[in-house]
C-alpha atoms as a PDB file:
ATOM      1  CA  MET A   1     -36.786 -11.952  24.649  1.00  0.00           C
ATOM      2  CA  ILE A   2     -34.386 -11.877  21.728  1.00  0.00           C
ATOM      3  CA  THR A   3     -32.044 -14.865  21.621  1.00  0.00           C
ATOM      4  CA  ASN A   4     -29.859 -14.129  18.577  1.00  0.00           C
ATOM      5  CA  ILE A   5     -29.591 -12.504  15.149  1.00  0.00           C
ATOM      6  CA  ALA A   6     -30.942 -14.897  12.530  1.00  0.00           C
ATOM      7  CA  LEU A   7     -31.267 -12.844   9.339  1.00  0.00           C
ATOM      8  CA  VAL A   8     -29.552  -9.880   7.708  1.00  0.00           C
ATOM      9  CA  SER A   9     -30.770  -8.417   4.404  1.00  0.00           C
ATOM     10  CA  VAL A  10     -28.212  -7.473   1.769  1.00  0.00           C
ATOM     11  CA  TRP A  11     -29.422  -5.228  -1.059  1.00  0.00           C
ATOM     12  CA  VAL A  12     -28.294  -6.597  -4.413  1.00  0.00           C
ATOM     13  CA  ARG A  13     -28.790  -5.632  -8.058  1.00  0.00           C
ATOM     14  CA  ASP A  14     -29.640  -9.119  -9.330  1.00  0.00           C
ATOM     15  CA  VAL A  15     -30.527 -12.037  -7.067  1.00  0.00           C
ATOM     16  CA  ASP A  16     -29.255 -14.762  -9.430  1.00  0.00           C
ATOM     17  CA  GLU A  17     -25.895 -13.055  -9.978  1.00  0.00           C
ATOM     18  CA  SER A  18     -25.498 -12.350  -6.263  1.00  0.00           C
ATOM     19  CA  LYS A  19     -26.471 -15.882  -5.303  1.00  0.00           C
ATOM     20  CA  ALA A  20     -23.713 -17.134  -7.633  1.00  0.00           C
ATOM     21  CA  PHE A  21     -21.198 -14.658  -6.172  1.00  0.00           C
ATOM     22  CA  TYR A  22     -21.964 -15.540  -2.558  1.00  0.00           C
ATOM     23  CA  THR A  23     -21.910 -19.300  -3.228  1.00  0.00           C
ATOM     24  CA  ASP A  24     -19.298 -19.770  -5.980  1.00  0.00           C
ATOM     25  CA  VAL A  25     -16.869 -17.022  -4.914  1.00  0.00           C
ATOM     26  CA  LEU A  26     -17.355 -16.650  -1.155  1.00  0.00           C
ATOM     27  CA  GLY A  27     -18.293 -20.242  -0.295  1.00  0.00           C
ATOM     28  CA  PHE A  28     -21.780 -19.692   1.130  1.00  0.00           C
ATOM     29  CA  GLU A  29     -24.587 -22.227   0.618  1.00  0.00           C
ATOM     30  CA  VAL A  30     -28.154 -21.605  -0.549  1.00  0.00           C
ATOM     31  CA  ARG A  31     -30.684 -22.033   2.270  1.00  0.00           C
ATOM     32  CA  ASP A  32     -33.873 -20.890   0.491  1.00  0.00           C
ATOM     33  CA  ASP A  33     -34.732 -19.668  -2.981  1.00  0.00           C
ATOM     34  CA  LEU A  34     -38.452 -19.162  -3.398  1.00  0.00           C
ATOM     35  CA  THR A  35     -40.554 -16.954  -5.639  1.00  0.00           C
ATOM     36  CA  LEU A  36     -43.439 -15.709  -3.501  1.00  0.00           C
ATOM     37  CA  GLY A  37     -45.224 -13.502  -6.011  1.00  0.00           C
ATOM     38  CA  PRO A  38     -44.545 -11.494  -9.158  1.00  0.00           C
ATOM     39  CA  ASP A  39     -42.347  -8.984  -7.324  1.00  0.00           C
ATOM     40  CA  PHE A  40     -40.913 -10.929  -4.406  1.00  0.00           C
ATOM     41  CA  ARG A  41     -38.214 -13.549  -4.200  1.00  0.00           C
ATOM     42  CA  TRP A  42     -36.947 -14.999  -0.930  1.00  0.00           C
ATOM     43  CA  CYS A  43     -33.338 -16.055  -1.408  1.00  0.00           C
ATOM     44  CA  THR A  44     -31.077 -16.722   1.568  1.00  0.00           C
ATOM     45  CA  VAL A  45     -27.529 -17.984   1.811  1.00  0.00           C
ATOM     46  CA  VAL A  46     -25.616 -19.183   4.846  1.00  0.00           C
ATOM     47  CA  HIS A  47     -21.988 -19.806   5.655  1.00  0.00           C
ATOM     48  CA  PRO A  48     -21.428 -23.506   6.380  1.00  0.00           C
ATOM     49  CA  GLN A  49     -19.694 -22.661   9.677  1.00  0.00           C
ATOM     50  CA  GLN A  50     -22.533 -20.367  10.794  1.00  0.00           C
ATOM     51  CA  PRO A  51     -25.751 -21.787   9.294  1.00  0.00           C
ATOM     52  CA  GLU A  52     -27.938 -20.101  11.900  1.00  0.00           C
ATOM     53  CA  LEU A  53     -27.259 -16.652  10.355  1.00  0.00           C
ATOM     54  CA  GLN A  54     -28.952 -16.186   6.995  1.00  0.00           C
ATOM     55  CA  LEU A  55     -28.113 -13.473   4.476  1.00  0.00           C
ATOM     56  CA  HIS A  56     -31.256 -12.462   2.604  1.00  0.00           C
ATOM     57  CA  LEU A  57     -30.262 -11.384  -0.920  1.00  0.00           C
ATOM     58  CA  THR A  58     -32.909  -8.946  -2.072  1.00  0.00           C
ATOM     59  CA  THR A  59     -33.431  -6.202  -4.624  1.00  0.00           C
ATOM     60  CA  PRO A  60     -34.951  -2.835  -3.749  1.00  0.00           C
ATOM     61  CA  THR A  61     -38.585  -3.172  -4.837  1.00  0.00           C
ATOM     62  CA  THR A  62     -42.115  -3.033  -3.494  1.00  0.00           C
ATOM     63  CA  PRO A  63     -43.334  -2.597  -0.807  1.00  0.00           C
ATOM     64  CA  LEU A  64     -40.730   0.199  -0.685  1.00  0.00           C
ATOM     65  CA  PRO A  65     -41.988   3.436  -2.232  1.00  0.00           C
ATOM     66  CA  ASP A  66     -40.645   4.343  -5.698  1.00  0.00           C
ATOM     67  CA  TYR A  67     -38.517   7.230  -4.394  1.00  0.00           C
ATOM     68  CA  LEU A  68     -36.748   4.912  -1.955  1.00  0.00           C
ATOM     69  CA  VAL A  69     -36.227   2.190  -4.580  1.00  0.00           C
ATOM     70  CA  GLU A  70     -34.653   4.808  -6.863  1.00  0.00           C
ATOM     71  CA  ALA A  71     -32.424   6.107  -4.059  1.00  0.00           C
ATOM     72  CA  MET A  72     -31.286   2.567  -3.201  1.00  0.00           C
ATOM     73  CA  GLN A  73     -30.537   1.820  -6.853  1.00  0.00           C
ATOM     74  CA  ARG A  74     -28.477   5.027  -7.131  1.00  0.00           C
ATOM     75  CA  ALA A  75     -26.535   4.073  -3.992  1.00  0.00           C
ATOM     76  CA  GLN A  76     -25.931   0.612  -5.435  1.00  0.00           C
ATOM     77  CA  ALA A  77     -24.708   2.064  -8.745  1.00  0.00           C
ATOM     78  CA  GLU A  78     -22.278   4.293  -6.845  1.00  0.00           C
ATOM     79  CA  GLY A  79     -21.084   1.423  -4.638  1.00  0.00           C
ATOM     80  CA  GLY A  80     -22.183   3.244  -1.527  1.00  0.00           C
ATOM     81  CA  LEU A  81     -24.088   0.613   0.430  1.00  0.00           C
ATOM     82  CA  PRO A  82     -22.611  -1.248   3.381  1.00  0.00           C
ATOM     83  CA  GLY A  83     -22.637  -5.021   3.305  1.00  0.00           C
ATOM     84  CA  VAL A  84     -21.364  -7.389   5.940  1.00  0.00           C
ATOM     85  CA  GLY A  85     -18.173  -8.052   7.860  1.00  0.00           C
ATOM     86  CA  LEU A  86     -16.556 -11.440   7.463  1.00  0.00           C
ATOM     87  CA  ASN A  87     -13.989 -12.999   9.777  1.00  0.00           C
ATOM     88  CA  VAL A  88     -11.163 -14.880   8.102  1.00  0.00           C
ATOM     89  CA  ALA A  89      -8.363 -17.028   9.503  1.00  0.00           C
ATOM     90  CA  ASP A  90      -5.716 -15.451   7.244  1.00  0.00           C
ATOM     91  CA  CYS A  91      -6.584 -12.086   5.676  1.00  0.00           C
ATOM     92  CA  GLN A  92      -3.685 -12.050   3.213  1.00  0.00           C
ATOM     93  CA  LYS A  93      -4.557 -15.552   1.977  1.00  0.00           C
ATOM     94  CA  ALA A  94      -8.251 -14.653   1.628  1.00  0.00           C
ATOM     95  CA  PHE A  95      -7.274 -11.469  -0.232  1.00  0.00           C
ATOM     96  CA  ASP A  96      -5.046 -13.435  -2.618  1.00  0.00           C
ATOM     97  CA  GLU A  97      -7.669 -16.132  -3.271  1.00  0.00           C
ATOM     98  CA  LEU A  98     -10.537 -13.684  -3.784  1.00  0.00           C
ATOM     99  CA  SER A  99      -8.420 -11.359  -5.943  1.00  0.00           C
ATOM    100  CA  ALA A 100      -7.611 -14.362  -8.160  1.00  0.00           C
ATOM    101  CA  LYS A 101     -11.382 -14.888  -8.539  1.00  0.00           C
ATOM    102  CA  GLY A 102     -11.802 -11.292  -9.740  1.00  0.00           C
ATOM    103  CA  VAL A 103     -13.158  -9.737  -6.525  1.00  0.00           C
ATOM    104  CA  GLU A 104     -12.723  -5.949  -6.403  1.00  0.00           C
ATOM    105  CA  PHE A 105     -10.752  -4.756  -3.384  1.00  0.00           C
ATOM    106  CA  LEU A 106     -10.814  -1.176  -2.145  1.00  0.00           C
ATOM    107  CA  GLN A 107      -8.083  -1.772   0.428  1.00  0.00           C
ATOM    108  CA  GLU A 108      -5.389  -4.433   0.610  1.00  0.00           C
ATOM    109  CA  PRO A 109      -4.803  -6.157   3.960  1.00  0.00           C
ATOM    110  CA  GLN A 110      -3.615  -3.705   6.608  1.00  0.00           C
ATOM    111  CA  GLN A 111      -2.733  -4.045  10.275  1.00  0.00           C
ATOM    112  CA  ARG A 112      -5.341  -2.537  12.572  1.00  0.00           C
ATOM    113  CA  PRO A 113      -5.544  -2.566  16.370  1.00  0.00           C
ATOM    114  CA  TYR A 114      -8.220  -5.285  16.155  1.00  0.00           C
ATOM    115  CA  GLY A 115      -6.448  -7.432  13.523  1.00  0.00           C
ATOM    116  CA  VAL A 116      -5.701  -7.471   9.806  1.00  0.00           C
ATOM    117  CA  GLU A 117      -8.396  -5.895   7.621  1.00  0.00           C
ATOM    118  CA  ALA A 118      -9.109  -5.737   3.882  1.00  0.00           C
ATOM    119  CA  LEU A 119     -12.035  -3.948   2.233  1.00  0.00           C
ATOM    120  CA  MET A 120     -13.791  -5.385  -0.812  1.00  0.00           C
ATOM    121  CA  ARG A 121     -17.014  -5.081  -2.768  1.00  0.00           C
ATOM    122  CA  ASP A 122     -19.501  -7.787  -3.590  1.00  0.00           C
ATOM    123  CA  ASN A 123     -20.825  -7.989  -7.155  1.00  0.00           C
ATOM    124  CA  SER A 124     -23.547  -5.440  -6.332  1.00  0.00           C
ATOM    125  CA  GLY A 125     -21.049  -2.873  -5.085  1.00  0.00           C
ATOM    126  CA  ASN A 126     -21.709  -3.431  -1.366  1.00  0.00           C
ATOM    127  CA  TRP A 127     -18.722  -2.779   0.875  1.00  0.00           C
ATOM    128  CA  MET A 128     -17.568  -5.875   2.722  1.00  0.00           C
ATOM    129  CA  VAL A 129     -14.800  -6.046   5.272  1.00  0.00           C
ATOM    130  CA  LEU A 130     -12.593  -9.074   5.816  1.00  0.00           C
ATOM    131  CA  VAL A 131     -11.039  -9.215   9.262  1.00  0.00           C
ATOM    132  CA  GLU A 132      -8.468 -11.560  10.691  1.00  0.00           C
ATOM    133  CA  PRO A 133      -9.319 -10.693  14.299  1.00  0.00           C
ATOM    134  CA  ARG A 134      -6.959 -10.452  17.244  1.00  0.00           C
ATOM    135  CA  ASP A 135      -7.522  -9.568  20.873  1.00  0.00           C
ATOM    136  CA  TYR A 136      -7.302  -5.866  21.644  1.00  0.00           C
ATOM    137  CA  THR A 137      -7.868  -3.337  24.382  1.00  0.00           C
ATOM    138  CA  PRO A 138      -9.143   0.238  24.122  1.00  0.00           C
ATOM    139  CA  GLU A 139      -5.564   1.384  24.697  1.00  0.00           C
ATOM    140  CA  ASP A 140      -4.558  -0.217  21.390  1.00  0.00           C
ATOM    141  CA  PHE A 141      -6.493   2.553  19.619  1.00  0.00           C
ATOM    142  CA  ALA A 142      -4.700   5.464  21.304  1.00  0.00           C
ATOM    143  CA  GLY A 143      -3.405   7.786  18.597  1.00  0.00           C
ATOM    144  CA  VAL A 144      -4.620   5.555  15.759  1.00  0.00           C
ATOM    145  CA  ASP A 145      -5.947   7.295  12.628  1.00  0.00           C
ATOM    146  CA  MET A 146      -8.510   4.967  11.007  1.00  0.00           C
ATOM    147  CA  SER A 147      -8.983   7.038   7.855  1.00  0.00           C
END
């Protein structure tokens, strides 16, 4: 049976630019970067503290049909694609450091029932959430408006 999650694909506009963002700005490391044909590049990055989980940085292209590639590219241009959630030890510190590197934030750090959360975009417009987690119970959400 399934033992773990090993790979998550992240749709990006440009693999080289995204590889630089994920490594130089966010601190990930390149695992693989291979060209496997005229229209396919296999580029993965990993976080040094979680090397078993690879992020596959990929552009919308074949074998997806043209209409889906176009829809994905429109969603990217509008900044409407979800990315990944990242745990941080100190959300305010991560916000300050990433802001200083030019990262676009949609939401400054805010207290939530599950911890402190900030919402940012990667360089392809994907939403990414930074969370400084804390223990919580379902009761912590009573009456909470998450909008």
